[in-house]
């Protein structure tokens, strides 16, 4: 089931997100491969990583297959699914569900480059066109 379809999706902790990002980049990986994905100075502990991966599996973020005695982990949630659930949670918690409140806050607290503003405007225009086309098709 998609995280977005849950009333209150459980989002990964920062440590879980770090491991999920590694797995999304790797595609699949053993505990050792996941640990070694990180620069040597930032590598998580092997046992802690294994424990976190098993917890993440119980939360349906990933699954494993077995090759001999080695577990091969792979994500079963997409990066964009977690990103969208995170934004929905942020909107609910901090902006009363208001996307415009989030956008106003972003514009007021960040010094955005003109190119970023133009890209946002283009995205909004494209979204409106696609939405309008879908409404007319129905």
N, C-alpha and C. Protein backbone atom coordinates (compact mmCIF):
# COMPACT_ATOMS: atom_id res chain seq x y z
N UNK A 1 0.84 -1.18 0.00
CA UNK A 1 0.00 0.00 0.00
C UNK A 1 0.89 1.25 0.00
N UNK A 2 0.48 2.22 -0.75
CA UNK A 2 1.23 3.46 -0.86
C UNK A 2 1.19 4.23 0.46
N UNK A 3 2.31 4.85 0.80
CA UNK A 3 2.36 5.67 2.02
C UNK A 3 1.35 6.81 1.96
N UNK A 4 1.14 7.36 0.77
CA UNK A 4 0.24 8.50 0.63
C UNK A 4 -1.21 8.13 0.89
N UNK A 5 -1.56 6.86 0.76
CA UNK A 5 -2.94 6.44 0.97
C UNK A 5 -3.26 6.25 2.45
N UNK A 6 -2.25 6.20 3.29
CA UNK A 6 -2.46 6.09 4.72
C UNK A 6 -2.86 7.45 5.28
N UNK A 7 -3.75 7.45 6.28
CA UNK A 7 -4.16 8.73 6.87
C UNK A 7 -2.99 9.48 7.46
N UNK A 8 -2.15 8.78 8.20
CA UNK A 8 -0.97 9.40 8.79
C UNK A 8 0.21 8.50 8.50
N UNK A 9 0.84 8.71 7.33
CA UNK A 9 1.94 7.82 6.97
C UNK A 9 3.10 7.92 7.95
N UNK A 10 3.71 6.77 8.19
CA UNK A 10 4.90 6.74 9.04
C UNK A 10 6.09 7.07 8.15
N UNK A 11 6.77 8.13 8.50
CA UNK A 11 7.92 8.55 7.71
C UNK A 11 9.19 7.97 8.32
N UNK A 12 10.18 7.73 7.47
CA UNK A 12 11.44 7.21 8.00
C UNK A 12 12.13 8.23 8.91
N UNK A 13 12.83 7.71 9.90
CA UNK A 13 13.65 8.57 10.77
C UNK A 13 14.83 9.07 9.93
N UNK A 14 15.57 10.06 10.43
CA UNK A 14 16.76 10.51 9.67
C UNK A 14 17.74 9.37 9.38
N UNK A 15 17.97 8.49 10.34
CA UNK A 15 18.89 7.37 10.12
C UNK A 15 18.34 6.41 9.06
N UNK A 16 17.03 6.15 9.10
CA UNK A 16 16.41 5.29 8.10
C UNK A 16 16.46 5.95 6.72
N UNK A 17 16.24 7.25 6.68
CA UNK A 17 16.29 7.97 5.39
C UNK A 17 17.68 7.88 4.78
N UNK A 18 18.69 7.96 5.61
CA UNK A 18 20.07 7.86 5.13
C UNK A 18 20.31 6.50 4.48
N UNK A 19 19.81 5.44 5.11
CA UNK A 19 19.98 4.10 4.54
C UNK A 19 19.11 3.92 3.29
N UNK A 20 17.90 4.47 3.31
CA UNK A 20 17.03 4.38 2.12
C UNK A 20 17.69 5.08 0.94
N UNK A 21 18.28 6.26 1.17
CA UNK A 21 18.96 6.97 0.08
C UNK A 21 20.08 6.13 -0.50
N UNK A 22 20.82 5.46 0.36
CA UNK A 22 21.88 4.58 -0.11
C UNK A 22 21.30 3.45 -0.96
N UNK A 23 20.22 2.83 -0.47
CA UNK A 23 19.61 1.73 -1.22
C UNK A 23 19.00 2.20 -2.53
N UNK A 24 18.39 3.37 -2.55
CA UNK A 24 17.85 3.89 -3.81
C UNK A 24 18.97 4.07 -4.82
N UNK A 25 20.10 4.55 -4.37
CA UNK A 25 21.24 4.72 -5.27
C UNK A 25 21.83 3.39 -5.71
N UNK A 26 21.93 2.44 -4.78
CA UNK A 26 22.52 1.14 -5.09
C UNK A 26 21.56 0.22 -5.84
N UNK A 27 20.27 0.36 -5.59
CA UNK A 27 19.27 -0.56 -6.16
C UNK A 27 19.00 -1.71 -5.20
N UNK A 28 20.02 -2.48 -4.88
CA UNK A 28 19.96 -3.53 -3.87
C UNK A 28 21.31 -3.54 -3.17
N UNK A 29 21.34 -4.15 -1.99
CA UNK A 29 22.64 -4.23 -1.32
C UNK A 29 22.61 -5.08 -0.08
N UNK A 30 23.75 -5.65 0.22
CA UNK A 30 23.95 -6.35 1.48
C UNK A 30 24.24 -5.31 2.55
N UNK A 31 24.23 -5.72 3.80
CA UNK A 31 24.56 -4.78 4.88
C UNK A 31 25.95 -4.19 4.62
N UNK A 32 26.88 -5.04 4.26
CA UNK A 32 28.25 -4.58 4.01
C UNK A 32 28.31 -3.57 2.86
N UNK A 33 27.59 -3.83 1.78
CA UNK A 33 27.58 -2.90 0.64
C UNK A 33 26.96 -1.56 1.03
N UNK A 34 25.91 -1.64 1.85
CA UNK A 34 25.26 -0.40 2.28
C UNK A 34 26.19 0.40 3.18
N UNK A 35 26.84 -0.27 4.13
CA UNK A 35 27.79 0.40 5.02
C UNK A 35 28.92 1.03 4.20
N UNK A 36 29.44 0.28 3.24
CA UNK A 36 30.56 0.75 2.43
C UNK A 36 30.17 1.80 1.39
N UNK A 37 28.88 2.01 1.20
CA UNK A 37 28.41 3.05 0.29
C UNK A 37 28.85 4.43 0.80
N UNK A 38 28.92 4.57 2.11
CA UNK A 38 29.23 5.86 2.72
C UNK A 38 30.74 6.10 2.77
N UNK A 39 31.15 7.37 2.71
CA UNK A 39 32.58 7.67 2.86
C UNK A 39 33.06 7.09 4.20
N UNK A 40 34.31 6.67 4.22
CA UNK A 40 34.86 5.98 5.39
C UNK A 40 34.62 6.73 6.70
N UNK A 41 34.74 8.04 6.66
CA UNK A 41 34.57 8.83 7.89
C UNK A 41 33.11 8.94 8.34
N UNK A 42 32.17 8.54 7.47
CA UNK A 42 30.74 8.66 7.79
C UNK A 42 30.03 7.30 7.82
N UNK A 43 30.77 6.22 7.78
CA UNK A 43 30.16 4.89 7.73
C UNK A 43 29.44 4.56 9.02
N UNK A 44 28.21 4.07 8.89
CA UNK A 44 27.49 3.63 10.09
C UNK A 44 28.05 2.28 10.57
N UNK A 45 27.77 1.98 11.81
CA UNK A 45 28.17 0.71 12.40
C UNK A 45 27.42 -0.44 11.72
N UNK A 46 28.12 -1.54 11.47
CA UNK A 46 27.54 -2.69 10.76
C UNK A 46 26.31 -3.23 11.50
N UNK A 47 26.45 -3.51 12.78
CA UNK A 47 25.34 -4.11 13.55
C UNK A 47 24.15 -3.15 13.63
N UNK A 48 24.43 -1.87 13.85
CA UNK A 48 23.36 -0.87 13.90
C UNK A 48 22.64 -0.81 12.56
N UNK A 49 23.40 -0.84 11.48
CA UNK A 49 22.81 -0.80 10.14
C UNK A 49 21.92 -2.02 9.92
N UNK A 50 22.40 -3.20 10.30
CA UNK A 50 21.61 -4.42 10.14
C UNK A 50 20.31 -4.33 10.93
N UNK A 51 20.40 -3.84 12.17
CA UNK A 51 19.20 -3.69 13.00
C UNK A 51 18.23 -2.71 12.37
N UNK A 52 18.74 -1.57 11.91
CA UNK A 52 17.87 -0.57 11.27
C UNK A 52 17.19 -1.13 10.02
N UNK A 53 17.94 -1.88 9.22
CA UNK A 53 17.37 -2.47 8.01
C UNK A 53 16.23 -3.42 8.35
N UNK A 54 16.38 -4.21 9.40
CA UNK A 54 15.32 -5.13 9.81
C UNK A 54 14.09 -4.36 10.31
N UNK A 55 14.33 -3.28 11.04
CA UNK A 55 13.21 -2.42 11.49
C UNK A 55 12.51 -1.82 10.28
N UNK A 56 13.29 -1.34 9.32
CA UNK A 56 12.73 -0.74 8.11
C UNK A 56 11.92 -1.77 7.32
N UNK A 57 12.37 -3.00 7.36
CA UNK A 57 11.62 -4.07 6.69
C UNK A 57 10.27 -4.27 7.36
N UNK A 58 10.22 -4.19 8.68
CA UNK A 58 8.95 -4.34 9.40
C UNK A 58 8.01 -3.17 9.13
N UNK A 59 8.57 -2.03 8.72
CA UNK A 59 7.77 -0.84 8.37
C UNK A 59 7.40 -0.82 6.89
N UNK A 60 7.77 -1.88 6.17
CA UNK A 60 7.49 -2.00 4.74
C UNK A 60 8.17 -0.94 3.88
N UNK A 61 9.37 -0.52 4.26
CA UNK A 61 10.18 0.35 3.43
C UNK A 61 11.05 -0.47 2.48
N UNK A 62 11.38 -1.69 2.90
CA UNK A 62 12.23 -2.55 2.08
C UNK A 62 11.93 -4.00 2.37
N UNK A 63 12.55 -4.87 1.58
CA UNK A 63 12.42 -6.31 1.77
C UNK A 63 13.79 -6.92 1.51
N UNK A 64 13.91 -8.19 1.85
CA UNK A 64 15.19 -8.86 1.59
C UNK A 64 14.96 -10.21 0.95
N UNK A 65 15.97 -10.63 0.22
CA UNK A 65 16.05 -11.99 -0.27
C UNK A 65 17.34 -12.55 0.32
N UNK A 66 17.46 -13.85 0.27
CA UNK A 66 18.64 -14.48 0.86
C UNK A 66 19.48 -15.10 -0.24
N UNK A 67 20.77 -14.84 -0.18
CA UNK A 67 21.73 -15.48 -1.08
C UNK A 67 22.75 -16.17 -0.18
N UNK A 68 22.58 -17.49 -0.04
CA UNK A 68 23.40 -18.21 0.93
C UNK A 68 23.01 -17.75 2.32
N UNK A 69 23.99 -17.25 3.06
CA UNK A 69 23.72 -16.73 4.42
C UNK A 69 23.59 -15.21 4.44
N UNK A 70 23.62 -14.59 3.26
CA UNK A 70 23.64 -13.13 3.16
C UNK A 70 22.27 -12.61 2.76
N UNK A 71 21.83 -11.57 3.45
CA UNK A 71 20.58 -10.90 3.09
C UNK A 71 20.89 -9.83 2.05
N UNK A 72 20.07 -9.78 1.00
CA UNK A 72 20.14 -8.73 -0.02
C UNK A 72 18.90 -7.86 0.18
N UNK A 73 19.10 -6.61 0.53
CA UNK A 73 17.99 -5.69 0.79
C UNK A 73 17.69 -4.86 -0.45
N UNK A 74 16.40 -4.57 -0.63
CA UNK A 74 15.99 -3.67 -1.71
C UNK A 74 14.81 -2.83 -1.25
N UNK A 75 14.78 -1.57 -1.66
CA UNK A 75 13.67 -0.71 -1.25
C UNK A 75 12.38 -1.11 -1.96
N UNK A 76 11.26 -1.00 -1.24
CA UNK A 76 9.96 -1.25 -1.87
C UNK A 76 9.09 0.00 -1.85
N UNK A 77 9.67 1.10 -1.37
CA UNK A 77 9.02 2.40 -1.50
C UNK A 77 9.92 3.25 -2.39
N UNK A 78 9.31 4.06 -3.21
CA UNK A 78 10.06 4.91 -4.13
C UNK A 78 10.47 6.20 -3.43
N UNK A 79 11.56 6.76 -3.90
CA UNK A 79 12.07 8.02 -3.36
C UNK A 79 10.99 9.10 -3.42
N UNK A 80 10.29 9.20 -4.55
CA UNK A 80 9.27 10.25 -4.68
C UNK A 80 8.08 10.00 -3.76
N UNK A 81 7.81 8.74 -3.44
CA UNK A 81 6.70 8.42 -2.53
C UNK A 81 7.01 8.95 -1.12
N UNK A 82 8.24 8.75 -0.67
CA UNK A 82 8.66 9.27 0.64
C UNK A 82 8.67 10.80 0.61
N UNK A 83 9.17 11.37 -0.48
CA UNK A 83 9.22 12.83 -0.60
C UNK A 83 7.81 13.42 -0.53
N UNK A 84 6.87 12.83 -1.26
CA UNK A 84 5.50 13.34 -1.26
C UNK A 84 4.84 13.18 0.11
N UNK A 85 5.07 12.05 0.76
CA UNK A 85 4.50 11.84 2.10
C UNK A 85 5.12 12.83 3.09
N UNK A 86 6.40 13.13 2.93
CA UNK A 86 7.07 14.10 3.81
C UNK A 86 6.47 15.49 3.63
N UNK A 87 6.23 15.88 2.39
CA UNK A 87 5.63 17.19 2.12
C UNK A 87 4.21 17.24 2.69
N UNK A 88 3.44 16.18 2.50
CA UNK A 88 2.07 16.15 3.05
C UNK A 88 2.10 16.29 4.58
N UNK A 89 3.03 15.61 5.22
CA UNK A 89 3.16 15.69 6.67
C UNK A 89 3.56 17.10 7.09
N UNK A 90 4.52 17.70 6.39
CA UNK A 90 4.94 19.06 6.68
C UNK A 90 3.78 20.04 6.52
N UNK A 91 3.00 19.88 5.46
CA UNK A 91 1.85 20.76 5.24
C UNK A 91 0.85 20.64 6.39
N UNK A 92 0.53 19.40 6.77
CA UNK A 92 -0.43 19.18 7.86
C UNK A 92 0.08 19.76 9.18
N UNK A 93 1.33 19.46 9.51
CA UNK A 93 1.88 19.84 10.81
C UNK A 93 2.14 21.33 10.96
N UNK A 94 2.64 21.96 9.91
CA UNK A 94 3.13 23.33 10.06
C UNK A 94 2.33 24.39 9.32
N UNK A 95 1.50 23.98 8.37
CA UNK A 95 0.82 24.98 7.55
C UNK A 95 -0.68 24.73 7.43
N UNK A 96 -1.24 23.94 8.33
CA UNK A 96 -2.67 23.68 8.31
C UNK A 96 -3.14 23.11 6.99
N UNK A 97 -2.28 22.40 6.30
CA UNK A 97 -2.63 21.80 5.02
C UNK A 97 -2.53 22.76 3.84
N UNK A 98 -2.07 23.98 4.07
CA UNK A 98 -2.05 25.00 3.03
C UNK A 98 -0.74 24.98 2.24
N UNK A 99 -0.84 24.58 0.98
CA UNK A 99 0.34 24.59 0.10
C UNK A 99 0.81 26.02 -0.13
N UNK A 100 -0.13 26.95 -0.22
CA UNK A 100 0.29 28.34 -0.44
C UNK A 100 1.03 28.88 0.77
N UNK A 101 0.64 28.45 1.97
CA UNK A 101 1.36 28.85 3.18
C UNK A 101 2.80 28.37 3.15
N UNK A 102 2.99 27.15 2.68
CA UNK A 102 4.34 26.60 2.55
C UNK A 102 5.15 27.40 1.53
N UNK A 103 4.53 27.69 0.39
CA UNK A 103 5.22 28.44 -0.66
C UNK A 103 5.59 29.85 -0.20
N UNK A 104 4.67 30.53 0.46
CA UNK A 104 4.94 31.88 0.95
C UNK A 104 6.11 31.83 1.94
N UNK A 105 6.08 30.84 2.84
CA UNK A 105 7.15 30.70 3.81
C UNK A 105 8.49 30.44 3.12
N UNK A 106 8.48 29.60 2.11
CA UNK A 106 9.70 29.31 1.35
C UNK A 106 10.23 30.58 0.69
N UNK A 107 9.34 31.33 0.07
CA UNK A 107 9.76 32.55 -0.62
C UNK A 107 10.29 33.60 0.35
N UNK A 108 9.71 33.66 1.55
CA UNK A 108 10.12 34.68 2.51
C UNK A 108 11.37 34.30 3.29
N UNK A 109 11.68 33.03 3.41
CA UNK A 109 12.82 32.64 4.23
C UNK A 109 14.04 32.21 3.43
N UNK A 110 13.90 32.03 2.16
CA UNK A 110 15.01 31.61 1.31
C UNK A 110 15.34 32.72 0.32
N UNK A 111 16.61 32.90 0.07
CA UNK A 111 16.97 33.82 -1.01
C UNK A 111 17.07 32.96 -2.27
N UNK A 112 16.02 32.98 -3.05
CA UNK A 112 15.93 32.14 -4.24
C UNK A 112 16.53 32.86 -5.44
N UNK A 113 17.23 32.12 -6.24
CA UNK A 113 17.79 32.66 -7.48
C UNK A 113 16.64 32.89 -8.46
N UNK A 114 16.83 33.82 -9.36
CA UNK A 114 15.82 34.09 -10.39
C UNK A 114 15.52 32.83 -11.18
N UNK A 115 16.56 32.03 -11.44
CA UNK A 115 16.35 30.80 -12.22
C UNK A 115 15.45 29.82 -11.47
N UNK A 116 15.57 29.78 -10.12
CA UNK A 116 14.69 28.91 -9.33
C UNK A 116 13.25 29.40 -9.39
N UNK A 117 13.07 30.72 -9.29
CA UNK A 117 11.71 31.28 -9.36
C UNK A 117 11.09 31.01 -10.74
N UNK A 118 11.89 31.17 -11.79
CA UNK A 118 11.38 30.90 -13.14
C UNK A 118 11.00 29.43 -13.28
N UNK A 119 11.81 28.55 -12.73
CA UNK A 119 11.50 27.13 -12.80
C UNK A 119 10.19 26.82 -12.06
N UNK A 120 10.00 27.43 -10.88
CA UNK A 120 8.76 27.23 -10.13
C UNK A 120 7.56 27.74 -10.93
N UNK A 121 7.71 28.91 -11.52
CA UNK A 121 6.62 29.46 -12.34
C UNK A 121 6.30 28.53 -13.50
N UNK A 122 7.32 28.01 -14.16
CA UNK A 122 7.12 27.07 -15.27
C UNK A 122 6.41 25.81 -14.79
N UNK A 123 6.83 25.30 -13.64
CA UNK A 123 6.20 24.09 -13.10
C UNK A 123 4.72 24.33 -12.78
N UNK A 124 4.42 25.49 -12.21
CA UNK A 124 3.03 25.81 -11.90
C UNK A 124 2.21 25.94 -13.18
N UNK A 125 2.76 26.61 -14.18
CA UNK A 125 2.07 26.75 -15.48
C UNK A 125 1.80 25.37 -16.09
N UNK A 126 2.83 24.52 -16.11
CA UNK A 126 2.69 23.18 -16.68
C UNK A 126 1.66 22.37 -15.90
N UNK A 127 1.70 22.46 -14.59
CA UNK A 127 0.72 21.75 -13.76
C UNK A 127 -0.70 22.20 -14.08
N UNK A 128 -0.89 23.52 -14.20
CA UNK A 128 -2.23 24.05 -14.53
C UNK A 128 -2.71 23.55 -15.89
N UNK A 129 -1.82 23.56 -16.89
CA UNK A 129 -2.20 23.10 -18.23
C UNK A 129 -2.58 21.63 -18.21
N UNK A 130 -1.79 20.81 -17.53
CA UNK A 130 -2.08 19.38 -17.44
C UNK A 130 -3.38 19.11 -16.69
N UNK A 131 -3.57 19.86 -15.62
CA UNK A 131 -4.80 19.69 -14.83
C UNK A 131 -6.03 20.10 -15.64
N UNK A 132 -5.90 21.20 -16.36
CA UNK A 132 -7.00 21.68 -17.20
C UNK A 132 -7.33 20.65 -18.29
N UNK A 133 -6.30 20.10 -18.90
CA UNK A 133 -6.49 19.09 -19.95
C UNK A 133 -7.17 17.85 -19.39
N UNK A 134 -6.80 17.45 -18.18
CA UNK A 134 -7.41 16.28 -17.56
C UNK A 134 -8.87 16.53 -17.23
N UNK A 135 -9.19 17.74 -16.77
CA UNK A 135 -10.57 18.07 -16.42
C UNK A 135 -11.45 18.09 -17.66
N UNK A 136 -10.91 18.56 -18.77
CA UNK A 136 -11.68 18.59 -20.01
C UNK A 136 -11.87 17.19 -20.59
N UNK A 137 -10.94 16.30 -20.32
CA UNK A 137 -11.02 14.93 -20.83
C UNK A 137 -12.06 14.11 -20.07
N UNK A 138 -12.37 14.52 -18.86
CA UNK A 138 -13.32 13.75 -18.02
C UNK A 138 -14.73 14.01 -18.37
